[in-house]
C-alpha atoms as a PDB file:
ATOM      1  CA  MET A   1       1.917  35.618   2.967  1.00  0.00           C
ATOM      2  CA  THR A   2       4.733  33.109   3.185  1.00  0.00           C
ATOM      3  CA  LEU A   3       5.675  31.218   0.080  1.00  0.00           C
ATOM      4  CA  THR A   4       7.189  27.818   0.590  1.00  0.00           C
ATOM      5  CA  ARG A   5       9.633  26.709  -2.025  1.00  0.00           C
ATOM      6  CA  ARG A   6       9.699  23.049  -2.943  1.00  0.00           C
ATOM      7  CA  ARG A   7      13.236  21.881  -2.673  1.00  0.00           C
ATOM      8  CA  LYS A   8      14.586  19.666  -5.389  1.00  0.00           C
ATOM      9  CA  VAL A   9      15.540  16.195  -4.231  1.00  0.00           C
ATOM     10  CA  ARG A  10      19.327  16.146  -3.978  1.00  0.00           C
ATOM     11  CA  GLY A  11      21.063  13.528  -6.051  1.00  0.00           C
ATOM     12  CA  SER A  12      17.887  12.773  -8.003  1.00  0.00           C
ATOM     13  CA  LYS A  13      19.745  11.386 -11.058  1.00  0.00           C
ATOM     14  CA  ARG A  14      21.779   9.057  -8.854  1.00  0.00           C
ATOM     15  CA  ARG A  15      18.651   7.973  -6.957  1.00  0.00           C
ATOM     16  CA  LEU A  16      16.758   7.381 -10.208  1.00  0.00           C
ATOM     17  CA  LYS A  17      19.613   5.227 -11.533  1.00  0.00           C
ATOM     18  CA  HIS A  18      19.520   3.239  -8.280  1.00  0.00           C
ATOM     19  CA  LEU A  19      15.737   2.774  -8.614  1.00  0.00           C
ATOM     20  CA  VAL A  20      16.123   1.530 -12.196  1.00  0.00           C
ATOM     21  CA  HIS A  21      18.573  -1.099 -10.918  1.00  0.00           C
ATOM     22  CA  GLN A  22      16.397  -2.020  -7.885  1.00  0.00           C
ATOM     23  CA  SER A  23      13.198  -2.297  -9.943  1.00  0.00           C
ATOM     24  CA  VAL A  24      14.247  -5.691 -11.338  1.00  0.00           C
ATOM     25  CA  ILE A  25      15.612  -7.097  -8.058  1.00  0.00           C
ATOM     26  CA  ALA A  26      13.294  -8.820  -5.590  1.00  0.00           C
ATOM     27  CA  ALA A  27      13.489  -8.001  -1.907  1.00  0.00           C
ATOM     28  CA  PRO A  28      14.342 -11.095   0.167  1.00  0.00           C
ATOM     29  CA  LEU A  29      11.534 -12.927   1.946  1.00  0.00           C
ATOM     30  CA  SER A  30      12.423 -13.319   5.621  1.00  0.00           C
ATOM     31  CA  GLU A  31      11.501 -16.917   6.392  1.00  0.00           C
ATOM     32  CA  PRO A  32      12.422 -16.516  10.105  1.00  0.00           C
ATOM     33  CA  ARG A  33      10.118 -13.480  10.487  1.00  0.00           C
ATOM     34  CA  LEU A  34       7.354 -15.219   8.562  1.00  0.00           C
ATOM     35  CA  GLN A  35       7.529 -18.306  10.768  1.00  0.00           C
ATOM     36  CA  ARG A  36       7.929 -16.407  14.041  1.00  0.00           C
ATOM     37  CA  TYR A  37       5.401 -13.595  13.557  1.00  0.00           C
ATOM     38  CA  GLY A  38       3.231 -14.939  10.733  1.00  0.00           C
ATOM     39  CA  TYR A  39       4.015 -12.127   8.283  1.00  0.00           C
ATOM     40  CA  ASP A  40       6.659 -10.378   6.228  1.00  0.00           C
ATOM     41  CA  TYR A  41       6.462  -7.249   4.115  1.00  0.00           C
ATOM     42  CA  ASN A  42       8.586  -5.079   1.869  1.00  0.00           C
ATOM     43  CA  LYS A  43       8.015  -1.336   1.788  1.00  0.00           C
ATOM     44  CA  LEU A  44       9.565   0.879  -0.837  1.00  0.00           C
ATOM     45  CA  GLY A  45      12.164   2.874   1.075  1.00  0.00           C
ATOM     46  CA  LEU A  46      11.810   5.980  -1.073  1.00  0.00           C
ATOM     47  CA  GLY A  47      13.664   8.148   1.465  1.00  0.00           C
ATOM     48  CA  PRO A  48      13.580  11.642  -0.053  1.00  0.00           C
ATOM     49  CA  TRP A  49      10.005  11.180  -1.297  1.00  0.00           C
ATOM     50  CA  HIS A  50       8.787   9.750   2.005  1.00  0.00           C
ATOM     51  CA  HIS A  51       6.504  12.701   2.846  1.00  0.00           C
ATOM     52  CA  ARG A  52       5.519  13.793  -0.639  1.00  0.00           C
ATOM     53  CA  GLN A  53       4.126  12.272  -3.808  1.00  0.00           C
ATOM     54  CA  PRO A  54       7.020  10.950  -5.924  1.00  0.00           C
ATOM     55  CA  PRO A  55       7.186  11.745  -9.639  1.00  0.00           C
ATOM     56  CA  GLN A  56       5.422   9.297 -11.962  1.00  0.00           C
ATOM     57  CA  ARG A  57       8.674   7.678 -13.165  1.00  0.00           C
ATOM     58  CA  VAL A  58       9.726   7.006  -9.559  1.00  0.00           C
ATOM     59  CA  ARG A  59       6.297   5.527  -8.731  1.00  0.00           C
ATOM     60  CA  GLN A  60       6.483   3.246 -11.773  1.00  0.00           C
ATOM     61  CA  LEU A  61       9.972   1.990 -10.906  1.00  0.00           C
ATOM     62  CA  ALA A  62       8.943   1.420  -7.290  1.00  0.00           C
ATOM     63  CA  ALA A  63       5.785  -0.453  -8.354  1.00  0.00           C
ATOM     64  CA  ARG A  64       7.891  -2.557 -10.721  1.00  0.00           C
ATOM     65  CA  HIS A  65      10.119  -3.495  -7.764  1.00  0.00           C
ATOM     66  CA  LEU A  66       7.010  -4.547  -5.813  1.00  0.00           C
ATOM     67  CA  LEU A  67       5.849  -6.681  -8.754  1.00  0.00           C
ATOM     68  CA  THR A  68       9.287  -8.324  -9.023  1.00  0.00           C
ATOM     69  CA  THR A  69       9.227  -9.018  -5.281  1.00  0.00           C
ATOM     70  CA  PHE A  70       5.645 -10.352  -5.432  1.00  0.00           C
ATOM     71  CA  PHE A  71       6.439 -12.964  -8.079  1.00  0.00           C
ATOM     72  CA  ASP A  72       9.629 -14.053  -6.313  1.00  0.00           C
ATOM     73  CA  TRP A  73       7.756 -14.440  -2.991  1.00  0.00           C
ATOM     74  CA  GLN A  74       4.911 -16.245  -4.765  1.00  0.00           C
ATOM     75  CA  ARG A  75       7.392 -18.831  -6.047  1.00  0.00           C
ATOM     76  CA  GLN A  76       8.913 -19.289  -2.569  1.00  0.00           C
ATOM     77  CA  LEU A  77       5.590 -19.439  -0.719  1.00  0.00           C
ATOM     78  CA  GLY A  78       4.101 -21.801  -3.301  1.00  0.00           C
ATOM     79  CA  ALA A  79       6.754 -24.371  -2.423  1.00  0.00           C
ATOM     80  CA  GLN A  80       5.467 -24.678   1.142  1.00  0.00           C
ATOM     81  CA  PRO A  81       2.345 -26.654   2.148  1.00  0.00           C
ATOM     82  CA  GLU A  82       0.903 -23.933   4.416  1.00  0.00           C
ATOM     83  CA  PRO A  83      -1.818 -21.603   3.025  1.00  0.00           C
ATOM     84  CA  PHE A  84      -0.741 -17.967   2.678  1.00  0.00           C
ATOM     85  CA  TYR A  85      -1.857 -14.442   1.854  1.00  0.00           C
ATOM     86  CA  LEU A  86       0.231 -12.532  -0.677  1.00  0.00           C
ATOM     87  CA  ALA A  87      -0.637  -9.149  -2.144  1.00  0.00           C
ATOM     88  CA  ILE A  88       0.690  -5.839  -3.396  1.00  0.00           C
ATOM     89  CA  TRP A  89      -0.870  -2.728  -1.915  1.00  0.00           C
ATOM     90  CA  LEU A  90      -0.520   0.389  -4.105  1.00  0.00           C
ATOM     91  CA  VAL A  91      -1.707   3.486  -2.247  1.00  0.00           C
ATOM     92  CA  ASP A  92      -2.383   6.695  -4.160  1.00  0.00           C
ATOM     93  CA  SER A  93      -2.484   9.243  -1.330  1.00  0.00           C
ATOM     94  CA  ASP A  94       0.523   7.905   0.591  1.00  0.00           C
ATOM     95  CA  PHE A  95       2.420   5.996  -2.088  1.00  0.00           C
ATOM     96  CA  ALA A  96       6.004   6.255  -0.784  1.00  0.00           C
ATOM     97  CA  HIS A  97       5.132   5.334   2.796  1.00  0.00           C
ATOM     98  CA  SER A  98       2.329   2.769   2.510  1.00  0.00           C
ATOM     99  CA  SER A  99       2.725   0.884  -0.793  1.00  0.00           C
ATOM    100  CA  GLN A 100       4.191  -2.567  -0.167  1.00  0.00           C
ATOM    101  CA  VAL A 101       4.200  -6.322  -0.750  1.00  0.00           C
ATOM    102  CA  VAL A 102       2.672  -8.258   2.152  1.00  0.00           C
ATOM    103  CA  ALA A 103       2.780 -11.967   2.974  1.00  0.00           C
ATOM    104  CA  GLY A 104       0.931 -13.634   5.830  1.00  0.00           C
ATOM    105  CA  ILE A 105       0.366 -17.121   7.212  1.00  0.00           C
ATOM    106  CA  ARG A 106      -1.758 -18.580  10.008  1.00  0.00           C
ATOM    107  CA  GLU A 107      -3.880 -15.901  11.792  1.00  0.00           C
ATOM    108  CA  ARG A 108      -2.206 -13.083   9.840  1.00  0.00           C
ATOM    109  CA  ARG A 109      -3.517 -14.580   6.615  1.00  0.00           C
ATOM    110  CA  GLU A 110      -7.137 -13.906   7.562  1.00  0.00           C
ATOM    111  CA  TRP A 111      -6.291 -10.578   9.221  1.00  0.00           C
ATOM    112  CA  TYR A 112      -4.681  -9.242   6.019  1.00  0.00           C
ATOM    113  CA  HIS A 113      -7.485 -10.647   3.902  1.00  0.00           C
ATOM    114  CA  SER A 114     -10.105  -8.678   5.870  1.00  0.00           C
ATOM    115  CA  LEU A 115      -8.002  -5.560   6.587  1.00  0.00           C
ATOM    116  CA  PHE A 116      -9.513  -3.337   3.878  1.00  0.00           C
ATOM    117  CA  GLY A 117     -12.985  -4.880   3.921  1.00  0.00           C
ATOM    118  CA  LYS A 118     -14.800  -5.640   0.703  1.00  0.00           C
ATOM    119  CA  PRO A 119     -13.562  -3.988  -2.516  1.00  0.00           C
ATOM    120  CA  ASP A 120     -15.574  -1.056  -3.832  1.00  0.00           C
ATOM    121  CA  PRO A 121     -16.965  -2.087  -7.246  1.00  0.00           C
ATOM    122  CA  ALA A 122     -17.513   1.605  -8.045  1.00  0.00           C
ATOM    123  CA  GLY A 123     -13.899   2.428  -7.208  1.00  0.00           C
ATOM    124  CA  PRO A 124     -11.431   3.502  -9.884  1.00  0.00           C
ATOM    125  CA  PRO A 125      -9.434   0.910 -11.815  1.00  0.00           C
ATOM    126  CA  LEU A 126      -5.707   0.543 -11.277  1.00  0.00           C
ATOM    127  CA  PRO A 127      -4.129   3.743 -12.685  1.00  0.00           C
ATOM    128  CA  ALA A 128      -2.845   3.447 -16.248  1.00  0.00           C
ATOM    129  CA  GLU A 129       0.721   4.255 -15.144  1.00  0.00           C
ATOM    130  CA  TYR A 130       0.828   0.837 -13.411  1.00  0.00           C
ATOM    131  CA  GLN A 131      -1.317  -1.240 -15.770  1.00  0.00           C
ATOM    132  CA  LEU A 132       1.417  -1.583 -18.403  1.00  0.00           C
ATOM    133  CA  LEU A 133       4.189  -2.597 -16.007  1.00  0.00           C
ATOM    134  CA  PRO A 134       5.558  -6.120 -16.564  1.00  0.00           C
ATOM    135  CA  GLY A 135       3.455  -8.592 -14.586  1.00  0.00           C
ATOM    136  CA  ALA A 136       0.687  -6.162 -13.562  1.00  0.00           C
ATOM    137  CA  ASP A 137      -1.729  -7.838 -15.970  1.00  0.00           C
ATOM    138  CA  GLN A 138      -1.135 -11.202 -14.247  1.00  0.00           C
ATOM    139  CA  LEU A 139      -2.754  -9.916 -11.038  1.00  0.00           C
ATOM    140  CA  THR A 140      -6.335  -9.096 -10.177  1.00  0.00           C
ATOM    141  CA  TRP A 141      -6.567  -5.551  -8.776  1.00  0.00           C
ATOM    142  CA  HIS A 142      -9.349  -4.478  -6.413  1.00  0.00           C
ATOM    143  CA  PRO A 143      -9.901  -0.867  -5.297  1.00  0.00           C
ATOM    144  CA  HIS A 144     -10.541  -0.156  -1.623  1.00  0.00           C
ATOM    145  CA  PRO A 145     -11.171   3.227  -0.002  1.00  0.00           C
ATOM    146  CA  ARG A 146      -8.109   4.428   1.946  1.00  0.00           C
ATOM    147  CA  GLU A 147      -9.447   5.725   5.267  1.00  0.00           C
ATOM    148  CA  VAL A 148      -8.002   7.402   8.333  1.00  0.00           C
ATOM    149  CA  GLU A 149      -9.760   7.291  11.700  1.00  0.00           C
ATOM    150  CA  LEU A 150     -10.330  10.472  13.703  1.00  0.00           C
ATOM    151  CA  ASP A 151     -11.380  10.205  17.348  1.00  0.00           C
ATOM    152  CA  VAL A 152     -13.933  12.642  18.817  1.00  0.00           C
ATOM    153  CA  PHE A 153     -11.729  13.056  21.910  1.00  0.00           C
ATOM    154  CA  ASP A 154      -8.983  14.551  19.720  1.00  0.00           C
ATOM    155  CA  TYR A 155     -11.456  17.099  18.282  1.00  0.00           C
ATOM    156  CA  PRO A 156     -13.562  18.417  21.197  1.00  0.00           C
ATOM    157  CA  GLY A 157     -14.431  21.566  19.224  1.00  0.00           C
ATOM    158  CA  GLY A 158     -15.871  19.613  16.307  1.00  0.00           C
ATOM    159  CA  TRP A 159     -14.574  17.695  13.328  1.00  0.00           C
ATOM    160  CA  PRO A 160     -11.897  19.472  11.261  1.00  0.00           C
ATOM    161  CA  ALA A 161     -13.023  21.201   8.064  1.00  0.00           C
ATOM    162  CA  TRP A 162     -10.640  19.187   5.856  1.00  0.00           C
ATOM    163  CA  ALA A 163     -12.283  15.942   7.050  1.00  0.00           C
ATOM    164  CA  LEU A 164     -15.796  17.236   6.435  1.00  0.00           C
ATOM    165  CA  ARG A 165     -14.889  18.103   2.817  1.00  0.00           C
ATOM    166  CA  LYS A 166     -13.878  14.480   2.095  1.00  0.00           C
ATOM    167  CA  PRO A 167     -16.100  11.391   2.001  1.00  0.00           C
ATOM    168  CA  ASN A 168     -16.622  10.368   5.623  1.00  0.00           C
ATOM    169  CA  ARG A 169     -18.772   8.323   7.950  1.00  0.00           C
ATOM    170  CA  LEU A 170     -19.283   8.135  11.700  1.00  0.00           C
ATOM    171  CA  ARG A 171     -19.105   5.027  13.836  1.00  0.00           C
ATOM    172  CA  PRO A 172     -18.961   4.284  17.565  1.00  0.00           C
ATOM    173  CA  SER A 173     -15.491   4.025  19.074  1.00  0.00           C
ATOM    174  CA  GLY A 174     -14.375   1.493  21.679  1.00  0.00           C
ATOM    175  CA  GLU A 175     -14.302   4.103  24.472  1.00  0.00           C
ATOM    176  CA  GLY A 176     -18.006   4.881  24.214  1.00  0.00           C
ATOM    177  CA  GLY A 177     -17.411   7.917  22.028  1.00  0.00           C
ATOM    178  CA  GLU A 178     -17.536   8.420  18.316  1.00  0.00           C
ATOM    179  CA  CYS A 179     -14.980   8.341  15.561  1.00  0.00           C
ATOM    180  CA  MET A 180     -15.025   9.509  11.974  1.00  0.00           C
ATOM    181  CA  LEU A 181     -13.607   7.491   9.099  1.00  0.00           C
ATOM    182  CA  VAL A 182     -12.350   9.860   6.404  1.00  0.00           C
ATOM    183  CA  GLN A 183     -11.490   8.645   2.929  1.00  0.00           C
ATOM    184  CA  THR A 184      -8.143  10.122   1.904  1.00  0.00           C
ATOM    185  CA  GLY A 185      -7.711   8.179  -1.326  1.00  0.00           C
ATOM    186  CA  TRP A 186      -7.586   4.647  -2.705  1.00  0.00           C
ATOM    187  CA  VAL A 187      -5.548   1.504  -2.231  1.00  0.00           C
ATOM    188  CA  TRP A 188      -5.393  -1.111  -4.984  1.00  0.00           C
ATOM    189  CA  VAL A 189      -4.824  -4.643  -3.749  1.00  0.00           C
ATOM    190  CA  GLY A 190      -3.202  -6.876  -6.366  1.00  0.00           C
ATOM    191  CA  GLN A 191      -3.276 -10.652  -5.978  1.00  0.00           C
ATOM    192  CA  ALA A 192      -2.583 -13.642  -8.211  1.00  0.00           C
ATOM    193  CA  THR A 193      -5.374 -14.844 -10.449  1.00  0.00           C
ATOM    194  CA  PRO A 194      -6.844 -17.058  -9.094  1.00  0.00           C
ATOM    195  CA  VAL A 195      -5.981 -15.940  -5.562  1.00  0.00           C
ATOM    196  CA  LEU A 196      -3.632 -18.460  -3.993  1.00  0.00           C
ATOM    197  CA  THR A 197      -4.537 -19.717  -0.525  1.00  0.00           C
END
């Protein structure tokens, strides 16, 4: 039996100090990208925690940075006449990689709006560790199942056991086969109340 030792993140005190500083600074909105491609986003950039769940304090500081960025972008986007989509996505199962602030205009606005489907009214509320962050109470948070798609062609011997143990559902794939949607966690979508268009 091989034991794997979790390595401590090097320079964690320095990184935590940097996160404290960054948590109150908004990421810049790229107006050229927004106009050219119809979207802009800001991911967290939590380097050493990229492939693991960060500690609670790190998650809170990162979420605070997203909130700071959201309100700064809301002010900037509100000054333009074009309708827009603006939201924070907090992802529990893949926090460091997938949590972000997203802005979209034109066709991206509708695409982002429908990306997660309808919220699950039976889903869990926003975790308490985020509810008390400055500005979190100014947004409406909706839970959505976080799903990954598995293709039958990648699993000719049958669906993997880990996927069968999680909530899942089958649906036809575009190639005439079948795919399985497996719920790996939750994503909370936070938007201004009322949602700005």
